Amino acid sequence: MITHTSRLADGLPADDEVLLDAPDDRLAPALVAAGAGDYGPAAKLLAATREAAEWENRDRYTLHLAAFARQRPEWLEFWQAAAPNDPDALLLKAETEVRRGWESPARVELLREVAPLITAAAEGEPRDPVPWRLALDHARGSNAPHTAFERLWTEAVRRSPHHYGCHAAALQYLSASWYGSHRECFDFAERAAADTLPGSLIQALPVRAAFAYLQGPGGTVIPRERLDAAADRAIALSATYAPADPYPAEVRNLLTYVLIRLERWTDALDQLRLIGPHATSFPWDRISDDPLGQFLELRDGIRLEVAAATPLRSRTGRRRSGPR
């Protein structure tokens, strides 16, 4: 282990270079400006994603900016006061209030109260699937029945049949932890992955179903080969993106967690090299109050597991026999 562990650090950034939920080059200037009280760059960024129909980026940027707005509510208030009908400000307002409702002990009641904000965001830009991702999250938290979920799902896919955020929200609703089952969750994920475009993040939906299974309640047993197939599909997707690309970072972090649970240590180490400095809160915040610390700790653990399984070689190049 001592012989191999240092060598296995090749390609991995140092601990102090790893960042949690680091923004990309487009979002970072908007967050810096927001810190100075200026909403203009954020408004321009979200408007650009809306006009270009960049729905995946729009969803990610909305989540980041809403997290900021929850810490600095006056920033969003100034924006809304200046442009009360701005569809981007309406979307951010809906996102912040849904997140606030989710974290309250009175979740169901608060979420039902914010339903008009989601409606306003959806009407602000009828093409946008992101409000419908919010509506699916809202349905899960407000105990909406399957009939309501199916109606919302139909509206979401009508706007964007391959939107990852809407699929991930639907998957959570259908999981055994909420209103479905492990089998229903996997069936949905595998159908979606089979029907989507090459390179789409939806190819990773089965590994998200695997995560829900590994983290969720007991019940139906999912065969190991189905879990491995989900991981293999996500590995193939990850390989289509450049190393240290922030766009698939959450998928790669999620895949790494599943590979750890499946004890596929070498595959997990490969994903760590592709992740680079881009740790994400999800999924590590599901198992620790310190997601970055948890990521770094598991990163060391993976290297140790791979090192322990790597045989020593003699000076002649032959593997030494005997127990490690």
C-alpha atoms as a PDB file:
ATOM      1  CA  MET A   1       0.000   0.000   0.000  1.00  0.00           C
ATOM      2  CA  ILE A   2       2.793   2.410   0.919  1.00  0.00           C
ATOM      3  CA  THR A   3       4.564   1.634  -2.352  1.00  0.00           C
ATOM      4  CA  HIS A   4       1.559   2.323  -4.566  1.00  0.00           C
ATOM      5  CA  THR A   5      -0.488   5.006  -2.757  1.00  0.00           C
ATOM      6  CA  SER A   6       1.716   7.979  -3.699  1.00  0.00           C
ATOM      7  CA  ARG A   7       1.825   6.878  -7.340  1.00  0.00           C
ATOM      8  CA  LEU A   8      -1.983   6.638  -7.402  1.00  0.00           C
ATOM      9  CA  ALA A   9      -2.184  10.333  -6.523  1.00  0.00           C
ATOM     10  CA  ASP A  10      -1.057  11.139 -10.086  1.00  0.00           C
ATOM     11  CA  GLY A  11      -3.762  13.100 -11.845  1.00  0.00           C
ATOM     12  CA  LEU A  12      -5.498  14.111  -8.618  1.00  0.00           C
ATOM     13  CA  PRO A  13      -5.391  17.751  -7.473  1.00  0.00           C
ATOM     14  CA  ALA A  14      -4.152  18.529  -3.987  1.00  0.00           C
ATOM     15  CA  ASP A  15      -6.768  18.724  -1.247  1.00  0.00           C
ATOM     16  CA  ASP A  16      -6.549  22.520  -1.054  1.00  0.00           C
ATOM     17  CA  GLU A  17      -7.226  22.784  -4.799  1.00  0.00           C
ATOM     18  CA  VAL A  18     -10.565  20.958  -4.606  1.00  0.00           C
ATOM     19  CA  LEU A  19     -13.584  23.257  -4.464  1.00  0.00           C
ATOM     20  CA  LEU A  20     -17.183  22.493  -3.556  1.00  0.00           C
ATOM     21  CA  ASP A  21     -19.822  23.488  -6.148  1.00  0.00           C
ATOM     22  CA  ALA A  22     -17.397  25.789  -7.930  1.00  0.00           C
ATOM     23  CA  PRO A  23     -19.159  28.000 -10.524  1.00  0.00           C
ATOM     24  CA  ASP A  24     -18.137  27.859 -14.167  1.00  0.00           C
ATOM     25  CA  ASP A  25     -16.609  30.747 -16.091  1.00  0.00           C
ATOM     26  CA  ARG A  26     -20.004  32.176 -17.039  1.00  0.00           C
ATOM     27  CA  LEU A  27     -21.582  32.023 -13.594  1.00  0.00           C
ATOM     28  CA  ALA A  28     -18.595  33.179 -11.532  1.00  0.00           C
ATOM     29  CA  PRO A  29     -18.664  36.861 -12.681  1.00  0.00           C
ATOM     30  CA  ALA A  30     -22.413  37.014 -12.020  1.00  0.00           C
ATOM     31  CA  LEU A  31     -21.897  35.773  -8.464  1.00  0.00           C
ATOM     32  CA  VAL A  32     -19.057  38.247  -7.874  1.00  0.00           C
ATOM     33  CA  ALA A  33     -21.292  41.093  -9.055  1.00  0.00           C
ATOM     34  CA  ALA A  34     -24.139  39.789  -6.910  1.00  0.00           C
ATOM     35  CA  GLY A  35     -21.838  39.918  -3.903  1.00  0.00           C
ATOM     36  CA  ALA A  36     -21.429  43.629  -4.615  1.00  0.00           C
ATOM     37  CA  GLY A  37     -25.225  44.038  -4.806  1.00  0.00           C
ATOM     38  CA  ASP A  38     -25.451  44.168  -8.611  1.00  0.00           C
ATOM     39  CA  TYR A  39     -28.081  41.885 -10.168  1.00  0.00           C
ATOM     40  CA  GLY A  40     -27.374  43.012 -13.736  1.00  0.00           C
ATOM     41  CA  PRO A  41     -24.858  40.296 -14.747  1.00  0.00           C
ATOM     42  CA  ALA A  42     -27.078  37.559 -13.288  1.00  0.00           C
ATOM     43  CA  ALA A  43     -30.058  38.959 -15.185  1.00  0.00           C
ATOM     44  CA  LYS A  44     -28.051  38.976 -18.418  1.00  0.00           C
ATOM     45  CA  LEU A  45     -26.811  35.428 -17.840  1.00  0.00           C
ATOM     46  CA  LEU A  46     -30.251  33.949 -17.206  1.00  0.00           C
ATOM     47  CA  ALA A  47     -31.731  35.928 -20.085  1.00  0.00           C
ATOM     48  CA  ALA A  48     -29.051  34.502 -22.385  1.00  0.00           C
ATOM     49  CA  THR A  49     -29.868  30.935 -21.348  1.00  0.00           C
ATOM     50  CA  ARG A  50     -33.569  31.585 -21.902  1.00  0.00           C
ATOM     51  CA  GLU A  51     -33.113  33.164 -25.323  1.00  0.00           C
ATOM     52  CA  ALA A  52     -30.759  30.376 -26.480  1.00  0.00           C
ATOM     53  CA  ALA A  53     -32.901  27.633 -24.897  1.00  0.00           C
ATOM     54  CA  GLU A  54     -29.910  26.436 -22.839  1.00  0.00           C
ATOM     55  CA  TRP A  55     -32.198  24.722 -20.373  1.00  0.00           C
ATOM     56  CA  GLU A  56     -29.595  22.578 -18.585  1.00  0.00           C
ATOM     57  CA  ASN A  57     -27.363  25.583 -17.919  1.00  0.00           C
ATOM     58  CA  ARG A  58     -30.373  27.670 -16.971  1.00  0.00           C
ATOM     59  CA  ASP A  59     -31.341  25.080 -14.374  1.00  0.00           C
ATOM     60  CA  ARG A  60     -27.838  24.885 -12.881  1.00  0.00           C
ATOM     61  CA  TYR A  61     -27.409  28.649 -12.792  1.00  0.00           C
ATOM     62  CA  THR A  62     -30.827  29.084 -11.206  1.00  0.00           C
ATOM     63  CA  LEU A  63     -29.899  26.712  -8.386  1.00  0.00           C
ATOM     64  CA  HIS A  64     -26.619  28.561  -7.707  1.00  0.00           C
ATOM     65  CA  LEU A  65     -28.188  32.023  -7.848  1.00  0.00           C
ATOM     66  CA  ALA A  66     -31.134  30.981  -5.701  1.00  0.00           C
ATOM     67  CA  ALA A  67     -28.701  29.712  -3.052  1.00  0.00           C
ATOM     68  CA  PHE A  68     -27.090  33.164  -3.080  1.00  0.00           C
ATOM     69  CA  ALA A  69     -30.481  34.901  -2.962  1.00  0.00           C
ATOM     70  CA  ARG A  70     -31.437  32.954   0.127  1.00  0.00           C
ATOM     71  CA  GLN A  71     -28.406  34.398   1.912  1.00  0.00           C
ATOM     72  CA  ARG A  72     -28.915  37.899   0.491  1.00  0.00           C
ATOM     73  CA  PRO A  73     -32.687  38.277  -0.055  1.00  0.00           C
ATOM     74  CA  GLU A  74     -32.438  42.031  -0.608  1.00  0.00           C
ATOM     75  CA  TRP A  75     -30.456  41.375  -3.808  1.00  0.00           C
ATOM     76  CA  LEU A  76     -33.385  39.588  -5.413  1.00  0.00           C
ATOM     77  CA  GLU A  77     -35.853  42.091  -3.935  1.00  0.00           C
ATOM     78  CA  PHE A  78     -34.072  44.963  -5.723  1.00  0.00           C
ATOM     79  CA  TRP A  79     -34.182  42.992  -8.963  1.00  0.00           C
ATOM     80  CA  GLN A  80     -37.889  42.270  -8.658  1.00  0.00           C
ATOM     81  CA  ALA A  81     -38.688  45.853  -7.710  1.00  0.00           C
ATOM     82  CA  ALA A  82     -36.909  47.079 -10.854  1.00  0.00           C
ATOM     83  CA  ALA A  83     -38.407  44.412 -13.151  1.00  0.00           C
ATOM     84  CA  PRO A  84     -41.471  42.805 -11.529  1.00  0.00           C
ATOM     85  CA  ASN A  85     -42.402  40.808 -14.638  1.00  0.00           C
ATOM     86  CA  ASP A  86     -38.895  39.600 -15.505  1.00  0.00           C
ATOM     87  CA  PRO A  87     -39.268  35.821 -16.104  1.00  0.00           C
ATOM     88  CA  ASP A  88     -35.777  35.197 -14.765  1.00  0.00           C
ATOM     89  CA  ALA A  89     -36.446  37.007 -11.500  1.00  0.00           C
ATOM     90  CA  LEU A  90     -39.778  35.168 -11.229  1.00  0.00           C
ATOM     91  CA  LEU A  91     -37.994  31.849 -11.659  1.00  0.00           C
ATOM     92  CA  LEU A  92     -35.405  32.717  -9.003  1.00  0.00           C
ATOM     93  CA  LYS A  93     -38.119  33.794  -6.581  1.00  0.00           C
ATOM     94  CA  ALA A  94     -39.985  30.525  -7.077  1.00  0.00           C
ATOM     95  CA  GLU A  95     -36.785  28.504  -6.606  1.00  0.00           C
ATOM     96  CA  THR A  96     -35.820  30.299  -3.385  1.00  0.00           C
ATOM     97  CA  GLU A  97     -39.275  29.873  -1.860  1.00  0.00           C
ATOM     98  CA  VAL A  98     -39.566  26.212  -2.791  1.00  0.00           C
ATOM     99  CA  ARG A  99     -36.143  25.530  -1.219  1.00  0.00           C
ATOM    100  CA  ARG A 100     -37.207  27.440   1.899  1.00  0.00           C
ATOM    101  CA  GLY A 101     -40.417  25.426   2.085  1.00  0.00           C
ATOM    102  CA  TRP A 102     -38.532  22.151   1.749  1.00  0.00           C
ATOM    103  CA  GLU A 103     -36.345  22.966   4.751  1.00  0.00           C
ATOM    104  CA  SER A 104     -39.255  23.921   7.041  1.00  0.00           C
ATOM    105  CA  PRO A 105     -40.905  21.546   9.537  1.00  0.00           C
ATOM    106  CA  ALA A 106     -44.191  22.821   8.059  1.00  0.00           C
ATOM    107  CA  ARG A 107     -43.047  21.753   4.580  1.00  0.00           C
ATOM    108  CA  VAL A 108     -46.377  20.650   3.133  1.00  0.00           C
ATOM    109  CA  GLU A 109     -48.240  23.793   4.155  1.00  0.00           C
ATOM    110  CA  LEU A 110     -45.500  26.193   3.051  1.00  0.00           C
ATOM    111  CA  LEU A 111     -45.055  24.489  -0.298  1.00  0.00           C
ATOM    112  CA  ARG A 112     -48.747  24.718  -1.028  1.00  0.00           C
ATOM    113  CA  GLU A 113     -48.577  28.455  -0.318  1.00  0.00           C
ATOM    114  CA  VAL A 114     -45.802  29.027  -2.875  1.00  0.00           C
ATOM    115  CA  ALA A 115     -47.573  27.200  -5.725  1.00  0.00           C
ATOM    116  CA  PRO A 116     -48.646  30.546  -7.329  1.00  0.00           C
ATOM    117  CA  LEU A 117     -44.962  31.540  -7.636  1.00  0.00           C
ATOM    118  CA  ILE A 118     -44.261  28.437  -9.726  1.00  0.00           C
ATOM    119  CA  THR A 119     -47.262  29.220 -11.904  1.00  0.00           C
ATOM    120  CA  ALA A 120     -46.000  32.779 -12.422  1.00  0.00           C
ATOM    121  CA  ALA A 121     -42.537  31.492 -13.412  1.00  0.00           C
ATOM    122  CA  ALA A 122     -44.040  29.018 -15.881  1.00  0.00           C
ATOM    123  CA  GLU A 123     -46.216  31.714 -17.445  1.00  0.00           C
ATOM    124  CA  GLY A 124     -43.250  34.105 -17.632  1.00  0.00           C
ATOM    125  CA  GLU A 125     -41.552  31.878 -20.227  1.00  0.00           C
ATOM    126  CA  PRO A 126     -43.883  29.171 -21.591  1.00  0.00           C
ATOM    127  CA  ARG A 127     -41.017  27.328 -23.346  1.00  0.00           C
ATOM    128  CA  ASP A 128     -38.952  26.912 -20.194  1.00  0.00           C
ATOM    129  CA  PRO A 129     -38.915  23.421 -18.586  1.00  0.00           C
ATOM    130  CA  VAL A 130     -37.181  24.643 -15.415  1.00  0.00           C
ATOM    131  CA  PRO A 131     -40.396  25.834 -13.694  1.00  0.00           C
ATOM    132  CA  TRP A 132     -41.794  22.361 -14.373  1.00  0.00           C
ATOM    133  CA  ARG A 133     -38.779  20.797 -12.657  1.00  0.00           C
ATOM    134  CA  LEU A 134     -39.688  23.029  -9.740  1.00  0.00           C
ATOM    135  CA  ALA A 135     -43.312  21.910 -10.009  1.00  0.00           C
ATOM    136  CA  LEU A 136     -42.215  18.254  -9.837  1.00  0.00           C
ATOM    137  CA  ASP A 137     -40.106  19.000  -6.735  1.00  0.00           C
ATOM    138  CA  HIS A 138     -43.114  20.826  -5.307  1.00  0.00           C
ATOM    139  CA  ALA A 139     -45.399  17.872  -6.031  1.00  0.00           C
ATOM    140  CA  ARG A 140     -43.101  15.515  -4.151  1.00  0.00           C
ATOM    141  CA  GLY A 141     -42.890  17.784  -1.110  1.00  0.00           C
ATOM    142  CA  SER A 142     -46.587  18.656  -0.971  1.00  0.00           C
ATOM    143  CA  ASN A 143     -47.824  15.040  -1.132  1.00  0.00           C
ATOM    144  CA  ALA A 144     -49.371  15.439  -4.581  1.00  0.00           C
ATOM    145  CA  PRO A 145     -51.029  12.250  -5.913  1.00  0.00           C
ATOM    146  CA  HIS A 146     -49.804  10.304  -8.950  1.00  0.00           C
ATOM    147  CA  THR A 147     -52.441  11.888 -11.168  1.00  0.00           C
ATOM    148  CA  ALA A 148     -51.055  15.361 -10.425  1.00  0.00           C
ATOM    149  CA  PHE A 149     -47.497  14.119 -10.947  1.00  0.00           C
ATOM    150  CA  GLU A 150     -48.383  12.622 -14.336  1.00  0.00           C
ATOM    151  CA  ARG A 151     -49.979  15.888 -15.461  1.00  0.00           C
ATOM    152  CA  LEU A 152     -46.878  17.867 -14.479  1.00  0.00           C
ATOM    153  CA  TRP A 153     -44.586  15.319 -16.124  1.00  0.00           C
ATOM    154  CA  THR A 154     -46.512  15.614 -19.389  1.00  0.00           C
ATOM    155  CA  GLU A 155     -46.103  19.399 -19.331  1.00  0.00           C
ATOM    156  CA  ALA A 156     -42.375  19.098 -18.544  1.00  0.00           C
ATOM    157  CA  VAL A 157     -41.492  16.717 -21.396  1.00  0.00           C
ATOM    158  CA  ARG A 158     -43.652  18.685 -23.827  1.00  0.00           C
ATOM    159  CA  ARG A 159     -41.301  21.612 -23.324  1.00  0.00           C
ATOM    160  CA  SER A 160     -38.052  19.627 -23.292  1.00  0.00           C
ATOM    161  CA  PRO A 161     -38.145  15.839 -23.713  1.00  0.00           C
ATOM    162  CA  HIS A 162     -34.495  15.450 -22.676  1.00  0.00           C
ATOM    163  CA  HIS A 163     -34.172  17.849 -19.747  1.00  0.00           C
ATOM    164  CA  TYR A 164     -32.062  16.190 -17.057  1.00  0.00           C
ATOM    165  CA  GLY A 165     -33.419  18.283 -14.173  1.00  0.00           C
ATOM    166  CA  CYS A 166     -37.025  17.307 -14.855  1.00  0.00           C
ATOM    167  CA  HIS A 167     -36.055  13.642 -15.209  1.00  0.00           C
ATOM    168  CA  ALA A 168     -34.114  13.710 -11.934  1.00  0.00           C
ATOM    169  CA  ALA A 169     -37.069  15.319 -10.142  1.00  0.00           C
ATOM    170  CA  ALA A 170     -39.472  12.740 -11.566  1.00  0.00           C
ATOM    171  CA  LEU A 171     -37.122   9.928 -10.561  1.00  0.00           C
ATOM    172  CA  GLN A 172     -37.138  11.115  -6.954  1.00  0.00           C
ATOM    173  CA  TYR A 173     -40.948  11.182  -6.914  1.00  0.00           C
ATOM    174  CA  LEU A 174     -41.006   7.597  -8.226  1.00  0.00           C
ATOM    175  CA  SER A 175     -38.359   6.333  -5.787  1.00  0.00           C
ATOM    176  CA  ALA A 176     -39.129   3.971  -2.920  1.00  0.00           C
ATOM    177  CA  SER A 177     -38.301   6.767  -0.458  1.00  0.00           C
ATOM    178  CA  TRP A 178     -41.305   8.739  -1.731  1.00  0.00           C
ATOM    179  CA  TYR A 179     -44.245   7.541  -3.819  1.00  0.00           C
ATOM    180  CA  GLY A 180     -42.905   4.691  -5.945  1.00  0.00           C
ATOM    181  CA  SER A 181     -40.696   1.628  -5.648  1.00  0.00           C
ATOM    182  CA  HIS A 182     -37.174   0.549  -6.498  1.00  0.00           C
ATOM    183  CA  ARG A 183     -38.420  -1.327  -9.560  1.00  0.00           C
ATOM    184  CA  GLU A 184     -40.556   1.600 -10.781  1.00  0.00           C
ATOM    185  CA  CYS A 185     -37.621   3.953 -10.288  1.00  0.00           C
ATOM    186  CA  PHE A 186     -35.201   1.744 -12.247  1.00  0.00           C
ATOM    187  CA  ASP A 187     -37.702   1.063 -15.037  1.00  0.00           C
ATOM    188  CA  PHE A 188     -38.271   4.792 -15.506  1.00  0.00           C
ATOM    189  CA  ALA A 189     -34.544   5.564 -15.498  1.00  0.00           C
ATOM    190  CA  GLU A 190     -33.611   2.838 -17.951  1.00  0.00           C
ATOM    191  CA  ARG A 191     -36.387   3.743 -20.410  1.00  0.00           C
ATOM    192  CA  ALA A 192     -35.354   7.398 -20.311  1.00  0.00           C
ATOM    193  CA  ALA A 193     -31.663   6.560 -20.832  1.00  0.00           C
ATOM    194  CA  ALA A 194     -32.496   4.305 -23.773  1.00  0.00           C
ATOM    195  CA  ASP A 195     -34.600   7.005 -25.437  1.00  0.00           C
ATOM    196  CA  THR A 196     -32.324  10.011 -24.947  1.00  0.00           C
ATOM    197  CA  LEU A 197     -29.634  11.564 -27.117  1.00  0.00           C
ATOM    198  CA  PRO A 198     -25.955  10.499 -27.064  1.00  0.00           C
ATOM    199  CA  GLY A 199     -24.035  12.549 -24.514  1.00  0.00           C
ATOM    200  CA  SER A 200     -27.184  13.567 -22.643  1.00  0.00           C
ATOM    201  CA  LEU A 201     -26.895  13.617 -18.863  1.00  0.00           C
ATOM    202  CA  ILE A 202     -30.031  11.452 -18.837  1.00  0.00           C
ATOM    203  CA  GLN A 203     -27.686   8.572 -19.680  1.00  0.00           C
ATOM    204  CA  ALA A 204     -26.732   8.816 -15.990  1.00  0.00           C
ATOM    205  CA  LEU A 205     -30.322   8.494 -14.763  1.00  0.00           C
ATOM    206  CA  PRO A 206     -29.968   4.746 -14.040  1.00  0.00           C
ATOM    207  CA  VAL A 207     -26.983   5.432 -11.785  1.00  0.00           C
ATOM    208  CA  ARG A 208     -29.168   7.959  -9.986  1.00  0.00           C
ATOM    209  CA  ALA A 209     -31.725   5.172  -9.548  1.00  0.00           C
ATOM    210  CA  ALA A 210     -28.903   3.009  -8.184  1.00  0.00           C
ATOM    211  CA  PHE A 211     -28.083   5.743  -5.680  1.00  0.00           C
ATOM    212  CA  ALA A 212     -31.742   5.928  -4.601  1.00  0.00           C
ATOM    213  CA  TYR A 213     -31.727   2.154  -4.150  1.00  0.00           C
ATOM    214  CA  LEU A 214     -28.473   2.070  -2.180  1.00  0.00           C
ATOM    215  CA  GLN A 215     -29.586   4.955   0.056  1.00  0.00           C
ATOM    216  CA  GLY A 216     -33.280   4.121   0.276  1.00  0.00           C
ATOM    217  CA  PRO A 217     -35.476   1.774   2.294  1.00  0.00           C
ATOM    218  CA  GLY A 218     -35.522  -1.998   1.840  1.00  0.00           C
ATOM    219  CA  GLY A 219     -38.014  -3.883  -0.249  1.00  0.00           C
ATOM    220  CA  THR A 220     -37.494  -5.110  -3.781  1.00  0.00           C
ATOM    221  CA  VAL A 221     -33.958  -6.369  -4.332  1.00  0.00           C
ATOM    222  CA  ILE A 222     -32.323  -4.990  -7.467  1.00  0.00           C
ATOM    223  CA  PRO A 223     -29.898  -7.529  -8.987  1.00  0.00           C
ATOM    224  CA  ARG A 224     -26.208  -6.649  -8.852  1.00  0.00           C
ATOM    225  CA  GLU A 225     -25.905  -6.848 -12.650  1.00  0.00           C
ATOM    226  CA  ARG A 226     -28.529  -4.102 -12.999  1.00  0.00           C
ATOM    227  CA  LEU A 227     -26.538  -1.860 -10.672  1.00  0.00           C
ATOM    228  CA  ASP A 228     -23.330  -2.576 -12.584  1.00  0.00           C
ATOM    229  CA  ALA A 229     -25.058  -1.858 -15.901  1.00  0.00           C
ATOM    230  CA  ALA A 230     -26.205   1.529 -14.551  1.00  0.00           C
ATOM    231  CA  ALA A 231     -22.636   2.324 -13.484  1.00  0.00           C
ATOM    232  CA  ASP A 232     -21.210   1.187 -16.832  1.00  0.00           C
ATOM    233  CA  ARG A 233     -23.619   3.422 -18.745  1.00  0.00           C
ATOM    234  CA  ALA A 234     -22.625   6.410 -16.607  1.00  0.00           C
ATOM    235  CA  ILE A 235     -18.919   5.609 -17.068  1.00  0.00           C
ATOM    236  CA  ALA A 236     -19.430   5.672 -20.840  1.00  0.00           C
ATOM    237  CA  LEU A 237     -21.217   9.029 -20.541  1.00  0.00           C
ATOM    238  CA  SER A 238     -18.457  10.479 -18.346  1.00  0.00           C
ATOM    239  CA  ALA A 239     -15.861   9.490 -20.938  1.00  0.00           C
ATOM    240  CA  THR A 240     -17.521  11.756 -23.527  1.00  0.00           C
ATOM    241  CA  TYR A 241     -16.663  14.886 -21.490  1.00  0.00           C
ATOM    242  CA  ALA A 242     -13.256  16.434 -20.907  1.00  0.00           C
ATOM    243  CA  PRO A 243     -11.472  15.908 -17.578  1.00  0.00           C
ATOM    244  CA  ALA A 244     -12.278  18.570 -14.960  1.00  0.00           C
ATOM    245  CA  ASP A 245     -15.292  19.780 -16.955  1.00  0.00           C
ATOM    246  CA  PRO A 246     -17.699  21.391 -14.449  1.00  0.00           C
ATOM    247  CA  TYR A 247     -20.786  20.523 -16.540  1.00  0.00           C
ATOM    248  CA  PRO A 248     -20.884  16.762 -15.729  1.00  0.00           C
ATOM    249  CA  ALA A 249     -19.267  17.203 -12.295  1.00  0.00           C
ATOM    250  CA  GLU A 250     -22.352  16.257 -10.283  1.00  0.00           C
ATOM    251  CA  VAL A 251     -22.927  13.146 -12.399  1.00  0.00           C
ATOM    252  CA  ARG A 252     -19.291  12.108 -11.905  1.00  0.00           C
ATOM    253  CA  ASN A 253     -19.504  12.661  -8.145  1.00  0.00           C
ATOM    254  CA  LEU A 254     -22.697  10.615  -8.006  1.00  0.00           C
ATOM    255  CA  LEU A 255     -21.146   7.862 -10.120  1.00  0.00           C
ATOM    256  CA  THR A 256     -18.121   7.766  -7.805  1.00  0.00           C
ATOM    257  CA  TYR A 257     -20.374   7.224  -4.804  1.00  0.00           C
ATOM    258  CA  VAL A 258     -22.148   4.325  -6.505  1.00  0.00           C
ATOM    259  CA  LEU A 259     -18.841   2.771  -7.581  1.00  0.00           C
ATOM    260  CA  ILE A 260     -17.638   2.963  -3.970  1.00  0.00           C
ATOM    261  CA  ARG A 261     -20.757   1.148  -2.785  1.00  0.00           C
ATOM    262  CA  LEU A 262     -20.199  -1.484  -5.474  1.00  0.00           C
ATOM    263  CA  GLU A 263     -16.525  -1.743  -4.399  1.00  0.00           C
ATOM    264  CA  ARG A 264     -15.319  -0.990  -7.919  1.00  0.00           C
ATOM    265  CA  TRP A 265     -12.282   0.843  -6.620  1.00  0.00           C
ATOM    266  CA  THR A 266     -10.273   1.227  -9.830  1.00  0.00           C
ATOM    267  CA  ASP A 267     -13.279   2.603 -11.705  1.00  0.00           C
ATOM    268  CA  ALA A 268     -13.911   5.016  -8.820  1.00  0.00           C
ATOM    269  CA  LEU A 269     -10.305   6.237  -8.975  1.00  0.00           C
ATOM    270  CA  ASP A 270     -10.686   6.832 -12.713  1.00  0.00           C
ATOM    271  CA  GLN A 271     -13.710   9.039 -12.020  1.00  0.00           C
ATOM    272  CA  LEU A 272     -11.816  10.978  -9.361  1.00  0.00           C
ATOM    273  CA  ARG A 273      -9.214  11.875 -11.971  1.00  0.00           C
ATOM    274  CA  LEU A 274     -11.978  13.058 -14.314  1.00  0.00           C
ATOM    275  CA  ILE A 275     -13.658  15.057 -11.525  1.00  0.00           C
ATOM    276  CA  GLY A 276     -10.438  16.952 -10.839  1.00  0.00           C
ATOM    277  CA  PRO A 277     -11.119  19.907  -8.510  1.00  0.00           C
ATOM    278  CA  HIS A 278     -14.922  19.849  -8.943  1.00  0.00           C
ATOM    279  CA  ALA A 279     -16.474  18.272  -5.861  1.00  0.00           C
ATOM    280  CA  THR A 280     -20.248  18.753  -5.626  1.00  0.00           C
ATOM    281  CA  SER A 281     -22.521  18.841  -2.581  1.00  0.00           C
ATOM    282  CA  PHE A 282     -24.698  16.073  -3.979  1.00  0.00           C
ATOM    283  CA  PRO A 283     -24.361  13.199  -3.179  1.00  0.00           C
ATOM    284  CA  TRP A 284     -21.892  13.740  -0.314  1.00  0.00           C
ATOM    285  CA  ASP A 285     -24.278  15.955   1.658  1.00  0.00           C
ATOM    286  CA  ARG A 286     -26.608  12.946   1.914  1.00  0.00           C
ATOM    287  CA  ILE A 287     -24.074  11.134   4.104  1.00  0.00           C
ATOM    288  CA  SER A 288     -22.216  13.952   5.872  1.00  0.00           C
ATOM    289  CA  ASP A 289     -22.685  17.475   7.168  1.00  0.00           C
ATOM    290  CA  ASP A 290     -19.270  18.239   5.641  1.00  0.00           C
ATOM    291  CA  PRO A 291     -19.608  17.185   1.983  1.00  0.00           C
ATOM    292  CA  LEU A 292     -16.195  18.489   0.939  1.00  0.00           C
ATOM    293  CA  GLY A 293     -14.474  16.778   3.839  1.00  0.00           C
ATOM    294  CA  GLN A 294     -16.371  13.576   3.055  1.00  0.00           C
ATOM    295  CA  PHE A 295     -15.296  13.731  -0.591  1.00  0.00           C
ATOM    296  CA  LEU A 296     -11.635  14.195   0.326  1.00  0.00           C
ATOM    297  CA  GLU A 297     -11.744  11.436   2.930  1.00  0.00           C
ATOM    298  CA  LEU A 298     -13.297   8.958   0.503  1.00  0.00           C
ATOM    299  CA  ARG A 299     -10.815  10.024  -2.166  1.00  0.00           C
ATOM    300  CA  ASP A 300      -7.975   8.904   0.121  1.00  0.00           C
ATOM    301  CA  GLY A 301      -9.851   5.726   0.949  1.00  0.00           C
ATOM    302  CA  ILE A 302     -10.245   4.810  -2.719  1.00  0.00           C
ATOM    303  CA  ARG A 303      -6.514   5.207  -3.305  1.00  0.00           C
ATOM    304  CA  LEU A 304      -5.792   2.931  -0.353  1.00  0.00           C
ATOM    305  CA  GLU A 305      -8.200   0.274  -1.654  1.00  0.00           C
ATOM    306  CA  VAL A 306      -6.606   0.335  -5.111  1.00  0.00           C
ATOM    307  CA  ALA A 307      -3.118   0.276  -3.605  1.00  0.00           C
ATOM    308  CA  ALA A 308      -4.003  -2.692  -1.394  1.00  0.00           C
ATOM    309  CA  ALA A 309      -5.216  -4.647  -4.408  1.00  0.00           C
ATOM    310  CA  THR A 310      -2.130  -3.856  -6.514  1.00  0.00           C
ATOM    311  CA  PRO A 311       0.505  -6.612  -6.250  1.00  0.00           C
ATOM    312  CA  LEU A 312       4.123  -5.811  -5.600  1.00  0.00           C
ATOM    313  CA  ARG A 313       6.693  -6.736  -8.229  1.00  0.00           C
ATOM    314  CA  SER A 314      10.192  -8.034  -7.632  1.00  0.00           C
ATOM    315  CA  ARG A 315      13.233  -6.466  -9.290  1.00  0.00           C
ATOM    316  CA  THR A 316      12.859  -9.024 -12.080  1.00  0.00           C
ATOM    317  CA  GLY A 317       9.367  -7.703 -12.748  1.00  0.00           C
ATOM    318  CA  ARG A 318       7.632 -10.830 -11.404  1.00  0.00           C
ATOM    319  CA  ARG A 319       4.797 -10.486  -8.983  1.00  0.00           C
ATOM    320  CA  ARG A 320       5.664 -11.558  -5.484  1.00  0.00           C
ATOM    321  CA  SER A 321       3.547 -14.336  -4.121  1.00  0.00           C
ATOM    322  CA  GLY A 322       2.045 -14.538  -0.685  1.00  0.00           C
ATOM    323  CA  PRO A 323      -0.542 -12.473   1.189  1.00  0.00           C
ATOM    324  CA  ARG A 324      -0.442  -8.685   1.002  1.00  0.00           C
END
